[in-house]
């Protein structure tokens, strides 16, 4: 049996660790289908939170340019023409 947390804030259902262990797959299906969140408790104290997974469509910054340079044969050769660091 899942108990509801009472208080002024919207209630988040809580479930004991032993009950969570017995009903884990069912609770995971419910989270996926309805988006409801659960707080898992052990001896009445919160220890974990089961929330729906949301995929991030953002690309990571590191590695985002991988494969963009098609060919560069001699990267250590000097640049053609004049180049000045202090050029305005």
PDB file of N, CA and C in Angstrom:
ATOM      1  N   UNK A   1       0.844  -1.181   0.000  1.00  0.00           N
ATOM      2  CA  UNK A   1       0.000   0.000   0.000  1.00  0.00           C
ATOM      3  C   UNK A   1       0.889   1.243   0.000  1.00  0.00           C
ATOM      4  N   UNK A   2       0.588   2.155  -0.877  1.00  0.00           N
ATOM      5  CA  UNK A   2       1.352   3.387  -0.967  1.00  0.00           C
ATOM      6  C   UNK A   2       0.671   4.441  -0.117  1.00  0.00           C
ATOM      7  N   UNK A   3       1.453   5.104   0.727  1.00  0.00           N
ATOM      8  CA  UNK A   3       0.897   6.125   1.616  1.00  0.00           C
ATOM      9  C   UNK A   3       1.174   7.498   1.027  1.00  0.00           C
ATOM     10  N   UNK A   4       0.321   8.436   1.310  1.00  0.00           N
ATOM     11  CA  UNK A   4       0.507   9.806   0.853  1.00  0.00           C
ATOM     12  C   UNK A   4       1.045  10.647   1.992  1.00  0.00           C
ATOM     13  N   UNK A   5       1.953  11.520   1.650  1.00  0.00           N
ATOM     14  CA  UNK A   5       2.546  12.431   2.620  1.00  0.00           C
ATOM     15  C   UNK A   5       1.592  13.615   2.805  1.00  0.00           C
ATOM     16  N   UNK A   6       1.289  13.957   4.041  1.00  0.00           N
ATOM     17  CA  UNK A   6       0.356  15.049   4.303  1.00  0.00           C
ATOM     18  C   UNK A   6       1.115  16.304   4.676  1.00  0.00           C
ATOM     19  N   UNK A   7       0.582  17.436   4.270  1.00  0.00           N
ATOM     20  CA  UNK A   7       1.201  18.707   4.579  1.00  0.00           C
ATOM     21  C   UNK A   7       0.607  19.790   3.703  1.00  0.00           C
ATOM     22  N   UNK A   8       1.189  20.963   3.741  1.00  0.00           N
ATOM     23  CA  UNK A   8       0.679  22.077   2.951  1.00  0.00           C
ATOM     24  C   UNK A   8       1.062  21.963   1.478  1.00  0.00           C
ATOM     25  N   UNK A   9       2.210  21.399   1.212  1.00  0.00           N
ATOM     26  CA  UNK A   9       2.659  21.237  -0.161  1.00  0.00           C
ATOM     27  C   UNK A   9       1.872  20.101  -0.812  1.00  0.00           C
ATOM     28  N   UNK A  10       1.843  20.075  -2.157  1.00  0.00           N
ATOM     29  CA  UNK A  10       1.198  18.934  -2.812  1.00  0.00           C
ATOM     30  C   UNK A  10       1.855  17.635  -2.359  1.00  0.00           C
ATOM     31  N   UNK A  11       1.034  16.654  -2.077  1.00  0.00           N
ATOM     32  CA  UNK A  11       1.562  15.426  -1.503  1.00  0.00           C
ATOM     33  C   UNK A  11       2.287  14.588  -2.552  1.00  0.00           C
ATOM     34  N   UNK A  12       3.385  13.980  -2.132  1.00  0.00           N
ATOM     35  CA  UNK A  12       4.140  13.050  -2.949  1.00  0.00           C
ATOM     36  C   UNK A  12       3.984  11.693  -2.292  1.00  0.00           C
ATOM     37  N   UNK A  13       3.527  10.709  -3.043  1.00  0.00           N
ATOM     38  CA  UNK A  13       3.348   9.389  -2.442  1.00  0.00           C
ATOM     39  C   UNK A  13       4.675   8.837  -1.917  1.00  0.00           C
ATOM     40  N   UNK A  14       4.613   8.212  -0.758  1.00  0.00           N
ATOM     41  CA  UNK A  14       5.795   7.574  -0.192  1.00  0.00           C
ATOM     42  C   UNK A  14       5.557   6.073  -0.136  1.00  0.00           C
ATOM     43  N   UNK A  15       6.641   5.342  -0.214  1.00  0.00           N
ATOM     44  CA  UNK A  15       6.556   3.888  -0.160  1.00  0.00           C
ATOM     45  C   UNK A  15       7.761   3.389   0.630  1.00  0.00           C
ATOM     46  N   UNK A  16       7.521   2.432   1.505  1.00  0.00           N
ATOM     47  CA  UNK A  16       8.605   1.858   2.299  1.00  0.00           C
ATOM     48  C   UNK A  16       9.539   1.025   1.427  1.00  0.00           C
ATOM     49  N   UNK A  17      10.771   0.878   1.866  1.00  0.00           N
ATOM     50  CA  UNK A  17      11.775   0.166   1.078  1.00  0.00           C
ATOM     51  C   UNK A  17      11.368  -1.283   0.809  1.00  0.00           C
ATOM     52  N   UNK A  18      10.824  -1.966   1.800  1.00  0.00           N
ATOM     53  CA  UNK A  18      10.413  -3.360   1.611  1.00  0.00           C
ATOM     54  C   UNK A  18       9.283  -3.459   0.592  1.00  0.00           C
ATOM     55  N   UNK A  19       8.338  -2.557   0.678  1.00  0.00           N
ATOM     56  CA  UNK A  19       7.227  -2.532  -0.272  1.00  0.00           C
ATOM     57  C   UNK A  19       7.726  -2.159  -1.664  1.00  0.00           C
ATOM     58  N   UNK A  20       8.662  -1.202  -1.729  1.00  0.00           N
ATOM     59  CA  UNK A  20       9.232  -0.818  -3.009  1.00  0.00           C
ATOM     60  C   UNK A  20       9.918  -2.022  -3.667  1.00  0.00           C
ATOM     61  N   UNK A  21      10.639  -2.794  -2.871  1.00  0.00           N
ATOM     62  CA  UNK A  21      11.322  -3.968  -3.395  1.00  0.00           C
ATOM     63  C   UNK A  21      10.323  -4.956  -3.987  1.00  0.00           C
ATOM     64  N   UNK A  22       9.199  -5.130  -3.330  1.00  0.00           N
ATOM     65  CA  UNK A  22       8.188  -6.078  -3.788  1.00  0.00           C
ATOM     66  C   UNK A  22       7.433  -5.583  -5.017  1.00  0.00           C
ATOM     67  N   UNK A  23       7.263  -4.264  -5.143  1.00  0.00           N
ATOM     68  CA  UNK A  23       6.446  -3.703  -6.216  1.00  0.00           C
ATOM     69  C   UNK A  23       7.239  -2.817  -7.181  1.00  0.00           C
ATOM     70  N   UNK A  24       8.536  -2.984  -7.221  1.00  0.00           N
ATOM     71  CA  UNK A  24       9.403  -2.095  -7.989  1.00  0.00           C
ATOM     72  C   UNK A  24       8.980  -1.968  -9.453  1.00  0.00           C
ATOM     73  N   UNK A  25       8.798  -3.068 -10.144  1.00  0.00           N
ATOM     74  CA  UNK A  25       8.463  -3.016 -11.568  1.00  0.00           C
ATOM     75  C   UNK A  25       7.112  -2.359 -11.807  1.00  0.00           C
ATOM     76  N   UNK A  26       6.154  -2.647 -10.951  1.00  0.00           N
ATOM     77  CA  UNK A  26       4.834  -2.025 -11.071  1.00  0.00           C
ATOM     78  C   UNK A  26       4.917  -0.510 -10.866  1.00  0.00           C
ATOM     79  N   UNK A  27       5.674  -0.081  -9.852  1.00  0.00           N
ATOM     80  CA  UNK A  27       5.827   1.352  -9.593  1.00  0.00           C
ATOM     81  C   UNK A  27       6.557   2.051 -10.735  1.00  0.00           C
ATOM     82  N   UNK A  28       7.567   1.386 -11.298  1.00  0.00           N
ATOM     83  CA  UNK A  28       8.287   1.982 -12.422  1.00  0.00           C
ATOM     84  C   UNK A  28       7.367   2.147 -13.633  1.00  0.00           C
ATOM     85  N   UNK A  29       6.508   1.170 -13.886  1.00  0.00           N
ATOM     86  CA  UNK A  29       5.545   1.295 -14.985  1.00  0.00           C
ATOM     87  C   UNK A  29       4.588   2.449 -14.737  1.00  0.00           C
ATOM     88  N   UNK A  30       4.140   2.584 -13.495  1.00  0.00           N
ATOM     89  CA  UNK A  30       3.209   3.661 -13.148  1.00  0.00           C
ATOM     90  C   UNK A  30       3.859   5.037 -13.327  1.00  0.00           C
ATOM     91  N   UNK A  31       5.123   5.141 -12.944  1.00  0.00           N
ATOM     92  CA  UNK A  31       5.853   6.397 -13.107  1.00  0.00           C
ATOM     93  C   UNK A  31       5.977   6.743 -14.592  1.00  0.00           C
ATOM     94  N   UNK A  32       6.314   5.748 -15.408  1.00  0.00           N
ATOM     95  CA  UNK A  32       6.462   5.982 -16.839  1.00  0.00           C
ATOM     96  C   UNK A  32       5.137   6.399 -17.478  1.00  0.00           C
ATOM     97  N   UNK A  33       4.038   5.755 -17.090  1.00  0.00           N
ATOM     98  CA  UNK A  33       2.743   6.007 -17.716  1.00  0.00           C
ATOM     99  C   UNK A  33       2.080   7.293 -17.237  1.00  0.00           C
ATOM    100  N   UNK A  34       2.192   7.600 -15.954  1.00  0.00           N
ATOM    101  CA  UNK A  34       1.453   8.736 -15.395  1.00  0.00           C
ATOM    102  C   UNK A  34       2.324   9.923 -15.021  1.00  0.00           C
ATOM    103  N   UNK A  35       3.632   9.706 -14.851  1.00  0.00           N
ATOM    104  CA  UNK A  35       4.517  10.800 -14.454  1.00  0.00           C
ATOM    105  C   UNK A  35       4.534  11.067 -12.963  1.00  0.00           C
ATOM    106  N   UNK A  36       3.862  10.241 -12.180  1.00  0.00           N
ATOM    107  CA  UNK A  36       3.830  10.422 -10.729  1.00  0.00           C
ATOM    108  C   UNK A  36       5.210  10.118 -10.141  1.00  0.00           C
ATOM    109  N   UNK A  37       5.569  10.800  -9.077  1.00  0.00           N
ATOM    110  CA  UNK A  37       6.841  10.581  -8.397  1.00  0.00           C
ATOM    111  C   UNK A  37       6.594   9.861  -7.082  1.00  0.00           C
ATOM    112  N   UNK A  38       7.573   9.090  -6.629  1.00  0.00           N
ATOM    113  CA  UNK A  38       7.481   8.384  -5.352  1.00  0.00           C
ATOM    114  C   UNK A  38       8.736   8.663  -4.540  1.00  0.00           C
ATOM    115  N   UNK A  39       8.555   8.782  -3.233  1.00  0.00           N
ATOM    116  CA  UNK A  39       9.677   8.873  -2.304  1.00  0.00           C
ATOM    117  C   UNK A  39       9.771   7.542  -1.581  1.00  0.00           C
ATOM    118  N   UNK A  40      10.950   6.930  -1.652  1.00  0.00           N
ATOM    119  CA  UNK A  40      11.176   5.646  -0.995  1.00  0.00           C
ATOM    120  C   UNK A  40      11.762   5.932   0.382  1.00  0.00           C
ATOM    121  N   UNK A  41      11.171   5.329   1.402  1.00  0.00           N
ATOM    122  CA  UNK A  41      11.619   5.573   2.779  1.00  0.00           C
ATOM    123  C   UNK A  41      12.170   4.300   3.396  1.00  0.00           C
ATOM    124  N   UNK A  42      13.049   4.492   4.346  1.00  0.00           N
ATOM    125  CA  UNK A  42      13.581   3.381   5.133  1.00  0.00           C
ATOM    126  C   UNK A  42      13.491   3.809   6.588  1.00  0.00           C
ATOM    127  N   UNK A  43      12.739   3.075   7.370  1.00  0.00           N
ATOM    128  CA  UNK A  43      12.471   3.414   8.768  1.00  0.00           C
ATOM    129  C   UNK A  43      11.850   4.812   8.877  1.00  0.00           C
ATOM    130  N   UNK A  44      10.995   5.147   7.923  1.00  0.00           N
ATOM    131  CA  UNK A  44      10.280   6.418   7.952  1.00  0.00           C
ATOM    132  C   UNK A  44      11.053   7.616   7.432  1.00  0.00           C
ATOM    133  N   UNK A  45      12.303   7.422   7.056  1.00  0.00           N
ATOM    134  CA  UNK A  45      13.119   8.531   6.546  1.00  0.00           C
ATOM    135  C   UNK A  45      13.322   8.392   5.043  1.00  0.00           C
ATOM    136  N   UNK A  46      13.173   9.473   4.298  1.00  0.00           N
ATOM    137  CA  UNK A  46      13.361   9.407   2.842  1.00  0.00           C
ATOM    138  C   UNK A  46      14.803   9.042   2.484  1.00  0.00           C
ATOM    139  N   UNK A  47      14.956   8.106   1.543  1.00  0.00           N
ATOM    140  CA  UNK A  47      16.286   7.706   1.101  1.00  0.00           C
ATOM    141  C   UNK A  47      16.452   7.800  -0.416  1.00  0.00           C
ATOM    142  N   UNK A  48      15.354   7.804  -1.158  1.00  0.00           N
ATOM    143  CA  UNK A  48      15.445   7.851  -2.616  1.00  0.00           C
ATOM    144  C   UNK A  48      14.166   8.429  -3.179  1.00  0.00           C
ATOM    145  N   UNK A  49      14.251   8.869  -4.433  1.00  0.00           N
ATOM    146  CA  UNK A  49      13.087   9.420  -5.105  1.00  0.00           C
ATOM    147  C   UNK A  49      13.007   8.796  -6.495  1.00  0.00           C
ATOM    148  N   UNK A  50      11.865   8.236  -6.829  1.00  0.00           N
ATOM    149  CA  UNK A  50      11.627   7.640  -8.136  1.00  0.00           C
ATOM    150  C   UNK A  50      10.872   8.660  -8.967  1.00  0.00           C
ATOM    151  N   UNK A  51      11.511   9.127 -10.031  1.00  0.00           N
ATOM    152  CA  UNK A  51      10.926  10.175 -10.880  1.00  0.00           C
ATOM    153  C   UNK A  51      10.952   9.713 -12.326  1.00  0.00           C
ATOM    154  N   UNK A  52      10.083  10.284 -13.177  1.00  0.00           N
ATOM    155  CA  UNK A  52      10.115   9.908 -14.584  1.00  0.00           C
ATOM    156  C   UNK A  52      11.396  10.394 -15.262  1.00  0.00           C
ATOM    157  N   UNK A  53      11.885   9.618 -16.197  1.00  0.00           N
ATOM    158  CA  UNK A  53      13.083   9.979 -16.946  1.00  0.00           C
ATOM    159  C   UNK A  53      12.697  10.913 -18.083  1.00  0.00           C
ATOM    160  N   UNK A  54      13.450  11.981 -18.230  1.00  0.00           N
ATOM    161  CA  UNK A  54      13.250  12.882 -19.362  1.00  0.00           C
ATOM    162  C   UNK A  54      14.566  12.975 -20.106  1.00  0.00           C
ATOM    163  N   UNK A  55      14.538  12.712 -21.400  1.00  0.00           N
ATOM    164  CA  UNK A  55      15.768  12.756 -22.180  1.00  0.00           C
ATOM    165  C   UNK A  55      16.109  14.206 -22.504  1.00  0.00           C
ATOM    166  N   UNK A  56      17.383  14.470 -22.520  1.00  0.00           N
ATOM    167  CA  UNK A  56      17.864  15.804 -22.829  1.00  0.00           C
ATOM    168  C   UNK A  56      18.194  15.866 -24.312  1.00  0.00           C
ATOM    169  N   UNK A  57      17.611  16.825 -25.021  1.00  0.00           N
ATOM    170  CA  UNK A  57      17.892  16.992 -26.432  1.00  0.00           C
ATOM    171  C   UNK A  57      19.118  17.861 -26.655  1.00  0.00           C
ATOM    172  N   UNK A  58      19.674  18.392 -25.583  1.00  0.00           N
ATOM    173  CA  UNK A  58      20.864  19.235 -25.691  1.00  0.00           C
ATOM    174  C   UNK A  58      22.079  18.379 -25.967  1.00  0.00           C
ATOM    175  N   UNK A  59      22.918  18.857 -26.880  1.00  0.00           N
ATOM    176  CA  UNK A  59      24.171  18.169 -27.157  1.00  0.00           C
ATOM    177  C   UNK A  59      25.209  18.631 -26.156  1.00  0.00           C
ATOM    178  N   UNK A  60      26.094  17.742 -25.725  1.00  0.00           N
ATOM    179  CA  UNK A  60      27.147  18.156 -24.804  1.00  0.00           C
ATOM    180  C   UNK A  60      28.112  19.114 -25.489  1.00  0.00           C
ATOM    181  N   UNK A  61      28.683  20.034 -24.722  1.00  0.00           N
ATOM    182  CA  UNK A  61      29.615  21.009 -25.264  1.00  0.00           C
ATOM    183  C   UNK A  61      30.909  20.328 -25.689  1.00  0.00           C
ATOM    184  N   UNK A  62      31.458  19.487 -24.833  1.00  0.00           N
ATOM    185  CA  UNK A  62      32.706  18.809 -25.147  1.00  0.00           C
ATOM    186  C   UNK A  62      32.442  17.716 -26.169  1.00  0.00           C
ATOM    187  N   UNK A  63      33.176  17.768 -27.250  1.00  0.00           N
ATOM    188  CA  UNK A  63      33.023  16.779 -28.310  1.00  0.00           C
ATOM    189  C   UNK A  63      32.008  17.163 -29.359  1.00  0.00           C
ATOM    190  N   UNK A  64      31.375  18.323 -29.230  1.00  0.00           N
ATOM    191  CA  UNK A  64      30.346  18.711 -30.184  1.00  0.00           C
ATOM    192  C   UNK A  64      30.907  19.045 -31.566  1.00  0.00           C
ATOM    193  N   UNK A  65      32.192  19.356 -31.648  1.00  0.00           N
ATOM    194  CA  UNK A  65      32.813  19.693 -32.934  1.00  0.00           C
ATOM    195  C   UNK A  65      33.544  18.489 -33.544  1.00  0.00           C
ATOM    196  N   UNK A  66      33.442  17.338 -32.918  1.00  0.00           N
ATOM    197  CA  UNK A  66      34.134  16.146 -33.394  1.00  0.00           C
ATOM    198  C   UNK A  66      33.690  15.819 -34.819  1.00  0.00           C
ATOM    199  N   UNK A  67      34.679  15.604 -35.695  1.00  0.00           N
ATOM    200  CA  UNK A  67      34.381  15.244 -37.071  1.00  0.00           C
ATOM    201  C   UNK A  67      34.087  16.405 -37.995  1.00  0.00           C
ATOM    202  N   UNK A  68      34.227  17.641 -37.523  1.00  0.00           N
ATOM    203  CA  UNK A  68      33.912  18.787 -38.370  1.00  0.00           C
ATOM    204  C   UNK A  68      35.076  19.208 -39.250  1.00  0.00           C
ATOM    205  N   UNK A  69      36.317  18.881 -38.878  1.00  0.00           N
ATOM    206  CA  UNK A  69      37.468  19.176 -39.723  1.00  0.00           C
ATOM    207  C   UNK A  69      37.661  17.966 -40.630  1.00  0.00           C
ATOM    208  N   UNK A  70      37.471  18.185 -41.918  1.00  0.00           N
ATOM    209  CA  UNK A  70      37.522  17.068 -42.845  1.00  0.00           C
ATOM    210  C   UNK A  70      38.950  16.647 -43.174  1.00  0.00           C
ATOM    211  N   UNK A  71      39.841  17.637 -43.385  1.00  0.00           N
ATOM    212  CA  UNK A  71      41.203  17.283 -43.738  1.00  0.00           C
ATOM    213  C   UNK A  71      42.122  18.459 -43.442  1.00  0.00           C
ATOM    214  N   UNK A  72      43.217  18.189 -42.766  1.00  0.00           N
ATOM    215  CA  UNK A  72      44.232  19.209 -42.501  1.00  0.00           C
ATOM    216  C   UNK A  72      45.555  18.475 -42.444  1.00  0.00           C
ATOM    217  N   UNK A  73      46.309  18.553 -43.529  1.00  0.00           N
ATOM    218  CA  UNK A  73      47.486  17.710 -43.683  1.00  0.00           C
ATOM    219  C   UNK A  73      48.681  18.116 -42.834  1.00  0.00           C
ATOM    220  N   UNK A  74      48.950  19.411 -42.697  1.00  0.00           N
ATOM    221  CA  UNK A  74      50.156  19.852 -41.994  1.00  0.00           C
ATOM    222  C   UNK A  74      49.785  20.904 -40.947  1.00  0.00           C
ATOM    223  N   UNK A  75      49.313  20.487 -39.787  1.00  0.00           N
ATOM    224  CA  UNK A  75      48.823  21.450 -38.792  1.00  0.00           C
ATOM    225  C   UNK A  75      49.908  22.296 -38.142  1.00  0.00           C
ATOM    226  N   UNK A  76      51.180  21.899 -38.225  1.00  0.00           N
ATOM    227  CA  UNK A  76      52.235  22.648 -37.544  1.00  0.00           C
ATOM    228  C   UNK A  76      53.007  23.586 -38.465  1.00  0.00           C
ATOM    229  N   UNK A  77      52.632  23.632 -39.730  1.00  0.00           N
ATOM    230  CA  UNK A  77      53.276  24.562 -40.650  1.00  0.00           C
ATOM    231  C   UNK A  77      52.823  25.984 -40.340  1.00  0.00           C
ATOM    232  N   UNK A  78      53.684  27.003 -40.638  1.00  0.00           N
ATOM    233  CA  UNK A  78      53.274  28.386 -40.392  1.00  0.00           C
ATOM    234  C   UNK A  78      52.113  28.790 -41.288  1.00  0.00           C
ATOM    235  N   UNK A  79      51.346  29.778 -40.822  1.00  0.00           N
ATOM    236  CA  UNK A  79      50.221  30.285 -41.596  1.00  0.00           C
ATOM    237  C   UNK A  79      50.734  31.070 -42.789  1.00  0.00           C
ATOM    238  N   UNK A  80      49.987  31.044 -43.864  1.00  0.00           N
ATOM    239  CA  UNK A  80      50.342  31.838 -45.042  1.00  0.00           C
ATOM    240  C   UNK A  80      50.071  33.304 -44.747  1.00  0.00           C
ATOM    241  N   UNK A  81      50.953  34.181 -45.187  1.00  0.00           N
ATOM    242  CA  UNK A  81      50.757  35.610 -45.020  1.00  0.00           C
ATOM    243  C   UNK A  81      51.158  36.084 -43.641  1.00  0.00           C
ATOM    244  N   UNK A  82      50.948  37.365 -43.404  1.00  0.00           N
ATOM    245  CA  UNK A  82      51.303  38.000 -42.130  1.00  0.00           C
ATOM    246  C   UNK A  82      50.194  37.739 -41.114  1.00  0.00           C
ATOM    247  N   UNK A  83      50.606  37.520 -39.883  1.00  0.00           N
ATOM    248  CA  UNK A  83      49.618  37.344 -38.810  1.00  0.00           C
ATOM    249  C   UNK A  83      50.171  38.022 -37.581  1.00  0.00           C
ATOM    250  N   UNK A  84      49.387  38.920 -37.013  1.00  0.00           N
ATOM    251  CA  UNK A  84      49.828  39.688 -35.859  1.00  0.00           C
ATOM    252  C   UNK A  84      48.814  39.503 -34.748  1.00  0.00           C
ATOM    253  N   UNK A  85      49.296  39.163 -33.562  1.00  0.00           N
ATOM    254  CA  UNK A  85      48.417  38.970 -32.411  1.00  0.00           C
ATOM    255  C   UNK A  85      47.714  40.274 -32.054  1.00  0.00           C
ATOM    256  N   UNK A  86      48.407  41.379 -32.186  1.00  0.00           N
ATOM    257  CA  UNK A  86      47.849  42.684 -31.804  1.00  0.00           C
ATOM    258  C   UNK A  86      47.112  43.381 -32.936  1.00  0.00           C
ATOM    259  N   UNK A  87      46.788  42.677 -34.009  1.00  0.00           N
ATOM    260  CA  UNK A  87      46.089  43.258 -35.134  1.00  0.00           C
ATOM    261  C   UNK A  87      44.686  43.662 -34.723  1.00  0.00           C
ATOM    262  N   UNK A  88      44.308  44.896 -34.986  1.00  0.00           N
ATOM    263  CA  UNK A  88      42.964  45.373 -34.601  1.00  0.00           C
ATOM    264  C   UNK A  88      41.990  45.162 -35.713  1.00  0.00           C
TER     265      UNK A  88
END
